[in-house]
């Protein structure tokens, strides 16, 4: 299992619908909202860790 870097949920990489490549590493997400939030500010989440579900 992988950890969604935005919200902290466990994500099965073999079934993940949302993923992105950043600096040569694949990151997996539980939702489109988490993927979009990570893509806006990836360094923030990599430095500070999961912050919970993004608010829309």
Protein backbone atom coordinates (compact mmCIF):
# COMPACT_ATOMS: atom_id res chain seq x y z
CA UNK A 1 0.00 0.00 0.00
CA UNK A 2 1.05 3.57 -0.69
CA UNK A 3 0.12 6.66 1.30
CA UNK A 4 -1.74 9.51 -0.41
CA UNK A 5 0.67 12.42 0.20
CA UNK A 6 -2.20 14.92 0.54
CA UNK A 7 -4.71 13.26 2.89
CA UNK A 8 -2.73 10.32 4.30
CA UNK A 9 -5.12 7.55 3.19
CA UNK A 10 -3.76 4.16 2.18
CA UNK A 11 -3.98 3.58 -1.57
CA UNK A 12 -3.50 0.28 -3.40
CA UNK A 13 -1.16 1.15 -6.30
CA UNK A 14 -2.46 -1.78 -8.37
CA UNK A 15 -6.00 -0.33 -8.25
CA UNK A 16 -5.32 3.40 -7.95
CA UNK A 17 -7.32 5.48 -10.40
CA UNK A 18 -5.37 8.68 -9.65
CA UNK A 19 -1.60 8.97 -9.87
CA UNK A 20 1.04 11.41 -11.01
CA UNK A 21 4.76 11.38 -11.72
CA UNK A 22 6.88 13.96 -9.92
CA UNK A 23 10.69 14.07 -10.05
CA UNK A 24 10.84 10.48 -11.26
CA UNK A 25 8.56 9.02 -8.56
CA UNK A 26 4.94 7.93 -8.93
CA UNK A 27 2.54 9.21 -6.27
CA UNK A 28 -0.89 7.63 -5.76
CA UNK A 29 -4.07 9.38 -4.63
CA UNK A 30 -7.46 8.39 -3.28
CA UNK A 31 -9.30 11.06 -5.29
CA UNK A 32 -9.02 13.58 -8.09
CA UNK A 33 -9.14 16.37 -5.49
CA UNK A 34 -6.02 15.06 -3.73
CA UNK A 35 -4.20 14.61 -7.04
CA UNK A 36 -5.05 18.16 -8.12
CA UNK A 37 -3.97 19.59 -4.76
CA UNK A 38 -0.63 17.76 -4.90
CA UNK A 39 0.01 18.95 -8.46
CA UNK A 40 -0.54 22.58 -7.36
CA UNK A 41 2.10 22.42 -4.62
CA UNK A 42 3.98 19.11 -4.53
CA UNK A 43 6.95 20.40 -2.52
CA UNK A 44 4.64 21.54 0.28
CA UNK A 45 3.20 18.03 0.73
CA UNK A 46 6.58 16.35 0.39
CA UNK A 47 8.05 18.60 3.07
CA UNK A 48 5.08 18.83 5.47
CA UNK A 49 3.33 15.51 4.94
CA UNK A 50 -0.40 14.80 4.64
CA UNK A 51 -2.71 17.62 5.72
CA UNK A 52 -6.11 15.91 5.45
CA UNK A 53 -8.68 16.04 2.67
CA UNK A 54 -8.53 19.25 0.62
CA UNK A 55 -11.49 21.60 0.94
CA UNK A 56 -13.36 22.59 -2.19
